[in-house]
């Protein structure tokens, strides 16, 4: 009975409203004490042509401004009960600010592998130091009217430990019923980052 309630749209919407309210109160009382470990001006990304061939490196900001293909990693993180960890993106993000998104997401720096980049993003965004995950899909993703071109590597993983949302990266992170979140994407897709909706479609193709 309780699981059915937690999977209902009214419950999930109420939880999101409460998390947003709590986040607003916290931001009024304090300011972030640490910063994420990247800069759009100095972080170098490997760039590719349409055939997936490496053509060089460029700062992240230049990659986005020039519409160059680059690699990103996304993670759908579940607990032992099958609940999905959802994050709300920070209001200062250049893409999908304030939207609900996948558990972890980020760019792959030129000097890191996919796995290294994902572990670093999990640490920076959620404070997760140890994580097990598996690659389930790789797909192209284009957004911002063609200016953002990503080759996404989508991973899934399980986690039972503590999650600490980095206030410079996201507003909050919380566990939700997977079926409930899926229903909410159908009822209120505008609440979600388009990249998460694509991640969800890719995940559902396999499962």
C-alpha atoms as a PDB file:
ATOM      1  CA  UNK A   1       0.000   0.000   0.000  1.00  0.00           C
ATOM      2  CA  UNK A   2       2.799   2.390   0.947  1.00  0.00           C
ATOM      3  CA  UNK A   3       4.767   1.591  -2.224  1.00  0.00           C
ATOM      4  CA  UNK A   4       1.655   2.270  -4.311  1.00  0.00           C
ATOM      5  CA  UNK A   5       1.219   5.647  -2.595  1.00  0.00           C
ATOM      6  CA  UNK A   6       4.866   6.600  -3.193  1.00  0.00           C
ATOM      7  CA  UNK A   7       4.483   5.745  -6.861  1.00  0.00           C
ATOM      8  CA  UNK A   8       1.443   7.982  -7.329  1.00  0.00           C
ATOM      9  CA  UNK A   9       1.747  11.271  -9.209  1.00  0.00           C
ATOM     10  CA  UNK A  10       0.232  13.379  -6.370  1.00  0.00           C
ATOM     11  CA  UNK A  11       2.798  11.988  -3.915  1.00  0.00           C
ATOM     12  CA  UNK A  12       5.722  12.608  -6.263  1.00  0.00           C
ATOM     13  CA  UNK A  13       4.551  16.142  -7.096  1.00  0.00           C
ATOM     14  CA  UNK A  14       4.146  16.906  -3.384  1.00  0.00           C
ATOM     15  CA  UNK A  15       7.639  15.595  -2.692  1.00  0.00           C
ATOM     16  CA  UNK A  16       9.104  17.758  -5.466  1.00  0.00           C
ATOM     17  CA  UNK A  17       7.297  20.834  -4.111  1.00  0.00           C
ATOM     18  CA  UNK A  18       8.660  20.127  -0.615  1.00  0.00           C
ATOM     19  CA  UNK A  19      12.217  19.637  -1.916  1.00  0.00           C
ATOM     20  CA  UNK A  20      12.007  22.897  -3.886  1.00  0.00           C
ATOM     21  CA  UNK A  21      10.736  24.749  -0.803  1.00  0.00           C
ATOM     22  CA  UNK A  22      13.483  23.296   1.398  1.00  0.00           C
ATOM     23  CA  UNK A  23      16.103  24.228  -1.190  1.00  0.00           C
ATOM     24  CA  UNK A  24      14.816  27.806  -1.324  1.00  0.00           C
ATOM     25  CA  UNK A  25      14.987  28.159   2.466  1.00  0.00           C
ATOM     26  CA  UNK A  26      18.518  26.764   2.586  1.00  0.00           C
ATOM     27  CA  UNK A  27      19.746  29.151  -0.098  1.00  0.00           C
ATOM     28  CA  UNK A  28      18.260  32.109   1.761  1.00  0.00           C
ATOM     29  CA  UNK A  29      20.167  31.105   4.897  1.00  0.00           C
ATOM     30  CA  UNK A  30      23.525  30.175   3.428  1.00  0.00           C
ATOM     31  CA  UNK A  31      25.727  30.214   0.343  1.00  0.00           C
ATOM     32  CA  UNK A  32      27.708  27.368  -1.261  1.00  0.00           C
ATOM     33  CA  UNK A  33      31.011  26.644   0.492  1.00  0.00           C
ATOM     34  CA  UNK A  34      32.744  24.813  -2.356  1.00  0.00           C
ATOM     35  CA  UNK A  35      32.851  24.868  -6.102  1.00  0.00           C
ATOM     36  CA  UNK A  36      32.683  22.187  -8.755  1.00  0.00           C
ATOM     37  CA  UNK A  37      35.965  21.069 -10.249  1.00  0.00           C
ATOM     38  CA  UNK A  38      35.644  22.420 -13.790  1.00  0.00           C
ATOM     39  CA  UNK A  39      35.570  25.673 -15.721  1.00  0.00           C
ATOM     40  CA  UNK A  40      33.942  26.152 -19.158  1.00  0.00           C
ATOM     41  CA  UNK A  41      36.934  28.303 -20.096  1.00  0.00           C
ATOM     42  CA  UNK A  42      39.717  25.896 -19.111  1.00  0.00           C
ATOM     43  CA  UNK A  43      38.203  22.385 -19.266  1.00  0.00           C
ATOM     44  CA  UNK A  44      39.391  20.761 -22.497  1.00  0.00           C
ATOM     45  CA  UNK A  45      37.133  18.346 -24.361  1.00  0.00           C
ATOM     46  CA  UNK A  46      38.017  16.029 -27.225  1.00  0.00           C
ATOM     47  CA  UNK A  47      36.026  16.994 -30.315  1.00  0.00           C
ATOM     48  CA  UNK A  48      34.899  14.746 -33.156  1.00  0.00           C
ATOM     49  CA  UNK A  49      33.574  14.980 -36.693  1.00  0.00           C
ATOM     50  CA  UNK A  50      30.256  13.507 -37.873  1.00  0.00           C
ATOM     51  CA  UNK A  51      31.914  10.099 -38.372  1.00  0.00           C
ATOM     52  CA  UNK A  52      33.122   9.959 -34.772  1.00  0.00           C
ATOM     53  CA  UNK A  53      36.747  10.611 -35.664  1.00  0.00           C
ATOM     54  CA  UNK A  54      38.864  12.731 -33.324  1.00  0.00           C
ATOM     55  CA  UNK A  55      39.678  16.108 -34.847  1.00  0.00           C
ATOM     56  CA  UNK A  56      41.257  17.877 -31.856  1.00  0.00           C
ATOM     57  CA  UNK A  57      40.614  19.472 -28.492  1.00  0.00           C
ATOM     58  CA  UNK A  58      38.855  22.670 -27.466  1.00  0.00           C
ATOM     59  CA  UNK A  59      37.662  24.428 -24.301  1.00  0.00           C
ATOM     60  CA  UNK A  60      34.173  23.423 -23.260  1.00  0.00           C
ATOM     61  CA  UNK A  61      32.727  26.884 -23.912  1.00  0.00           C
ATOM     62  CA  UNK A  62      34.128  26.931 -27.455  1.00  0.00           C
ATOM     63  CA  UNK A  63      32.770  23.427 -28.079  1.00  0.00           C
ATOM     64  CA  UNK A  64      29.254  24.547 -27.194  1.00  0.00           C
ATOM     65  CA  UNK A  65      29.477  27.847 -29.049  1.00  0.00           C
ATOM     66  CA  UNK A  66      30.749  26.149 -32.216  1.00  0.00           C
ATOM     67  CA  UNK A  67      28.373  23.172 -32.122  1.00  0.00           C
ATOM     68  CA  UNK A  68      31.154  20.574 -32.063  1.00  0.00           C
ATOM     69  CA  UNK A  69      30.583  16.891 -31.326  1.00  0.00           C
ATOM     70  CA  UNK A  70      31.869  15.797 -27.900  1.00  0.00           C
ATOM     71  CA  UNK A  71      31.362  12.983 -25.393  1.00  0.00           C
ATOM     72  CA  UNK A  72      29.205  13.030 -22.273  1.00  0.00           C
ATOM     73  CA  UNK A  73      28.308  10.487 -19.600  1.00  0.00           C
ATOM     74  CA  UNK A  74      24.874  10.017 -18.009  1.00  0.00           C
ATOM     75  CA  UNK A  75      23.967   7.726 -15.112  1.00  0.00           C
ATOM     76  CA  UNK A  76      20.629   6.324 -13.946  1.00  0.00           C
ATOM     77  CA  UNK A  77      21.236   5.283 -10.349  1.00  0.00           C
ATOM     78  CA  UNK A  78      18.891   2.872  -8.549  1.00  0.00           C
ATOM     79  CA  UNK A  79      18.659   1.625  -4.983  1.00  0.00           C
ATOM     80  CA  UNK A  80      17.906  -1.969  -3.973  1.00  0.00           C
ATOM     81  CA  UNK A  81      14.148  -1.288  -4.091  1.00  0.00           C
ATOM     82  CA  UNK A  82      14.278  -0.032  -7.674  1.00  0.00           C
ATOM     83  CA  UNK A  83      13.859   3.642  -6.805  1.00  0.00           C
ATOM     84  CA  UNK A  84      15.587   6.098  -9.138  1.00  0.00           C
ATOM     85  CA  UNK A  85      17.779   8.960  -7.943  1.00  0.00           C
ATOM     86  CA  UNK A  86      16.663  12.198  -9.593  1.00  0.00           C
ATOM     87  CA  UNK A  87      18.513  15.479  -9.396  1.00  0.00           C
ATOM     88  CA  UNK A  88      17.197  18.980  -9.935  1.00  0.00           C
ATOM     89  CA  UNK A  89      19.668  20.961 -12.006  1.00  0.00           C
ATOM     90  CA  UNK A  90      20.975  24.237 -10.632  1.00  0.00           C
ATOM     91  CA  UNK A  91      19.413  27.482 -11.794  1.00  0.00           C
ATOM     92  CA  UNK A  92      22.743  28.695 -13.198  1.00  0.00           C
ATOM     93  CA  UNK A  93      23.266  25.745 -15.533  1.00  0.00           C
ATOM     94  CA  UNK A  94      23.645  26.735 -19.184  1.00  0.00           C
ATOM     95  CA  UNK A  95      21.405  23.861 -20.287  1.00  0.00           C
ATOM     96  CA  UNK A  96      18.027  22.916 -18.771  1.00  0.00           C
ATOM     97  CA  UNK A  97      18.441  25.028 -15.609  1.00  0.00           C
ATOM     98  CA  UNK A  98      16.034  24.077 -12.833  1.00  0.00           C
ATOM     99  CA  UNK A  99      14.859  20.917 -14.602  1.00  0.00           C
ATOM    100  CA  UNK A 100      14.672  17.382 -13.203  1.00  0.00           C
ATOM    101  CA  UNK A 101      17.424  15.227 -14.660  1.00  0.00           C
ATOM    102  CA  UNK A 102      19.307  11.942 -14.553  1.00  0.00           C
ATOM    103  CA  UNK A 103      21.150  10.954 -11.389  1.00  0.00           C
ATOM    104  CA  UNK A 104      24.528  12.079 -12.755  1.00  0.00           C
ATOM    105  CA  UNK A 105      25.592  13.765 -15.963  1.00  0.00           C
ATOM    106  CA  UNK A 106      28.627  15.532 -17.302  1.00  0.00           C
ATOM    107  CA  UNK A 107      31.244  16.012 -19.983  1.00  0.00           C
ATOM    108  CA  UNK A 108      34.226  13.756 -20.605  1.00  0.00           C
ATOM    109  CA  UNK A 109      37.456  15.773 -20.277  1.00  0.00           C
ATOM    110  CA  UNK A 110      40.095  15.136 -22.907  1.00  0.00           C
ATOM    111  CA  UNK A 111      42.430  13.467 -20.405  1.00  0.00           C
ATOM    112  CA  UNK A 112      39.869  11.038 -18.900  1.00  0.00           C
ATOM    113  CA  UNK A 113      38.141   7.825 -19.901  1.00  0.00           C
ATOM    114  CA  UNK A 114      34.367   7.475 -19.800  1.00  0.00           C
ATOM    115  CA  UNK A 115      34.557   5.596 -16.504  1.00  0.00           C
ATOM    116  CA  UNK A 116      36.914   8.121 -14.917  1.00  0.00           C
ATOM    117  CA  UNK A 117      34.687  11.002 -15.991  1.00  0.00           C
ATOM    118  CA  UNK A 118      31.575   9.335 -14.583  1.00  0.00           C
ATOM    119  CA  UNK A 119      33.204   8.621 -11.226  1.00  0.00           C
ATOM    120  CA  UNK A 120      34.413  12.212 -11.016  1.00  0.00           C
ATOM    121  CA  UNK A 121      30.959  13.579 -11.826  1.00  0.00           C
ATOM    122  CA  UNK A 122      29.370  11.305  -9.205  1.00  0.00           C
ATOM    123  CA  UNK A 123      31.842  12.571  -6.632  1.00  0.00           C
ATOM    124  CA  UNK A 124      31.415  16.235  -7.547  1.00  0.00           C
ATOM    125  CA  UNK A 125      27.637  16.230  -7.857  1.00  0.00           C
ATOM    126  CA  UNK A 126      26.577  13.737  -5.172  1.00  0.00           C
ATOM    127  CA  UNK A 127      29.581  13.121  -2.936  1.00  0.00           C
ATOM    128  CA  UNK A 128      29.719   9.444  -3.978  1.00  0.00           C
ATOM    129  CA  UNK A 129      33.234   8.053  -3.646  1.00  0.00           C
ATOM    130  CA  UNK A 130      32.624   4.401  -4.581  1.00  0.00           C
ATOM    131  CA  UNK A 131      30.251   3.286  -7.290  1.00  0.00           C
ATOM    132  CA  UNK A 132      29.539   0.248  -9.478  1.00  0.00           C
ATOM    133  CA  UNK A 133      27.987   0.843 -12.899  1.00  0.00           C
ATOM    134  CA  UNK A 134      27.520  -0.656 -16.363  1.00  0.00           C
ATOM    135  CA  UNK A 135      27.342   0.890 -19.826  1.00  0.00           C
ATOM    136  CA  UNK A 136      23.963   0.158 -21.456  1.00  0.00           C
ATOM    137  CA  UNK A 137      23.782   2.480 -24.479  1.00  0.00           C
ATOM    138  CA  UNK A 138      25.669   4.975 -26.616  1.00  0.00           C
ATOM    139  CA  UNK A 139      23.708   7.398 -28.768  1.00  0.00           C
ATOM    140  CA  UNK A 140      23.915  10.841 -30.410  1.00  0.00           C
ATOM    141  CA  UNK A 141      22.000  13.672 -28.784  1.00  0.00           C
ATOM    142  CA  UNK A 142      21.498  17.128 -30.297  1.00  0.00           C
ATOM    143  CA  UNK A 143      19.911  20.046 -28.432  1.00  0.00           C
ATOM    144  CA  UNK A 144      19.841  23.848 -28.270  1.00  0.00           C
ATOM    145  CA  UNK A 145      18.818  24.094 -31.921  1.00  0.00           C
ATOM    146  CA  UNK A 146      21.817  22.110 -33.042  1.00  0.00           C
ATOM    147  CA  UNK A 147      24.486  23.998 -31.091  1.00  0.00           C
ATOM    148  CA  UNK A 148      24.979  21.202 -28.561  1.00  0.00           C
ATOM    149  CA  UNK A 149      26.052  17.900 -30.100  1.00  0.00           C
ATOM    150  CA  UNK A 150      26.793  15.050 -27.719  1.00  0.00           C
ATOM    151  CA  UNK A 151      27.718  11.420 -28.068  1.00  0.00           C
ATOM    152  CA  UNK A 152      26.126  10.152 -24.870  1.00  0.00           C
ATOM    153  CA  UNK A 153      27.313   7.078 -22.978  1.00  0.00           C
ATOM    154  CA  UNK A 154      24.447   5.988 -20.723  1.00  0.00           C
ATOM    155  CA  UNK A 155      25.225   3.944 -17.623  1.00  0.00           C
ATOM    156  CA  UNK A 156      23.108   2.343 -14.907  1.00  0.00           C
ATOM    157  CA  UNK A 157      24.227   1.518 -11.381  1.00  0.00           C
ATOM    158  CA  UNK A 158      23.052   0.698  -7.877  1.00  0.00           C
ATOM    159  CA  UNK A 159      23.849   2.560  -4.690  1.00  0.00           C
ATOM    160  CA  UNK A 160      22.745   2.414  -1.061  1.00  0.00           C
ATOM    161  CA  UNK A 161      24.972   4.986   0.615  1.00  0.00           C
ATOM    162  CA  UNK A 162      24.595   8.614   1.534  1.00  0.00           C
ATOM    163  CA  UNK A 163      24.007  11.229  -1.162  1.00  0.00           C
ATOM    164  CA  UNK A 164      25.184  14.816  -0.597  1.00  0.00           C
ATOM    165  CA  UNK A 165      24.070  17.234  -3.322  1.00  0.00           C
ATOM    166  CA  UNK A 166      26.704  19.803  -4.294  1.00  0.00           C
ATOM    167  CA  UNK A 167      24.902  23.182  -4.155  1.00  0.00           C
ATOM    168  CA  UNK A 168      27.116  24.616  -6.909  1.00  0.00           C
ATOM    169  CA  UNK A 169      26.036  21.829  -9.271  1.00  0.00           C
ATOM    170  CA  UNK A 170      22.409  21.053  -8.425  1.00  0.00           C
ATOM    171  CA  UNK A 171      19.533  22.142  -6.222  1.00  0.00           C
ATOM    172  CA  UNK A 172      18.787  18.740  -4.706  1.00  0.00           C
ATOM    173  CA  UNK A 173      18.839  14.996  -5.303  1.00  0.00           C
ATOM    174  CA  UNK A 174      16.259  12.481  -4.040  1.00  0.00           C
ATOM    175  CA  UNK A 175      14.999   8.935  -4.577  1.00  0.00           C
ATOM    176  CA  UNK A 176      11.692   8.446  -6.379  1.00  0.00           C
ATOM    177  CA  UNK A 177       9.586   5.496  -7.471  1.00  0.00           C
ATOM    178  CA  UNK A 178      10.701   4.654 -11.011  1.00  0.00           C
ATOM    179  CA  UNK A 179       7.138   3.974 -12.172  1.00  0.00           C
ATOM    180  CA  UNK A 180       5.971   7.214 -10.597  1.00  0.00           C
ATOM    181  CA  UNK A 181       8.664   9.268 -12.320  1.00  0.00           C
ATOM    182  CA  UNK A 182       7.834   7.574 -15.614  1.00  0.00           C
ATOM    183  CA  UNK A 183       4.170   8.542 -15.223  1.00  0.00           C
ATOM    184  CA  UNK A 184       5.127  12.110 -14.359  1.00  0.00           C
ATOM    185  CA  UNK A 185       7.250  12.427 -17.512  1.00  0.00           C
ATOM    186  CA  UNK A 186       4.101  11.594 -19.492  1.00  0.00           C
ATOM    187  CA  UNK A 187       1.893  14.006 -17.547  1.00  0.00           C
ATOM    188  CA  UNK A 188       4.359  16.888 -17.070  1.00  0.00           C
ATOM    189  CA  UNK A 189       7.281  16.507 -19.500  1.00  0.00           C
ATOM    190  CA  UNK A 190       8.100  20.201 -19.113  1.00  0.00           C
ATOM    191  CA  UNK A 191       9.410  19.494 -15.589  1.00  0.00           C
ATOM    192  CA  UNK A 192      12.247  17.393 -16.990  1.00  0.00           C
ATOM    193  CA  UNK A 193      15.441  18.073 -18.894  1.00  0.00           C
ATOM    194  CA  UNK A 194      15.046  16.834 -22.493  1.00  0.00           C
ATOM    195  CA  UNK A 195      18.257  14.849 -22.036  1.00  0.00           C
ATOM    196  CA  UNK A 196      16.658  12.879 -19.186  1.00  0.00           C
ATOM    197  CA  UNK A 197      13.627  12.091 -21.314  1.00  0.00           C
ATOM    198  CA  UNK A 198      15.976  10.691 -23.950  1.00  0.00           C
ATOM    199  CA  UNK A 199      17.918   8.727 -21.327  1.00  0.00           C
ATOM    200  CA  UNK A 200      14.631   7.248 -20.142  1.00  0.00           C
ATOM    201  CA  UNK A 201      13.641   6.275 -23.697  1.00  0.00           C
ATOM    202  CA  UNK A 202      16.973   4.582 -24.231  1.00  0.00           C
ATOM    203  CA  UNK A 203      16.680   2.720 -20.922  1.00  0.00           C
ATOM    204  CA  UNK A 204      13.159   1.532 -21.726  1.00  0.00           C
ATOM    205  CA  UNK A 205      14.305   0.143 -25.080  1.00  0.00           C
ATOM    206  CA  UNK A 206      16.515  -2.309 -23.208  1.00  0.00           C
ATOM    207  CA  UNK A 207      14.343  -3.062 -20.185  1.00  0.00           C
END
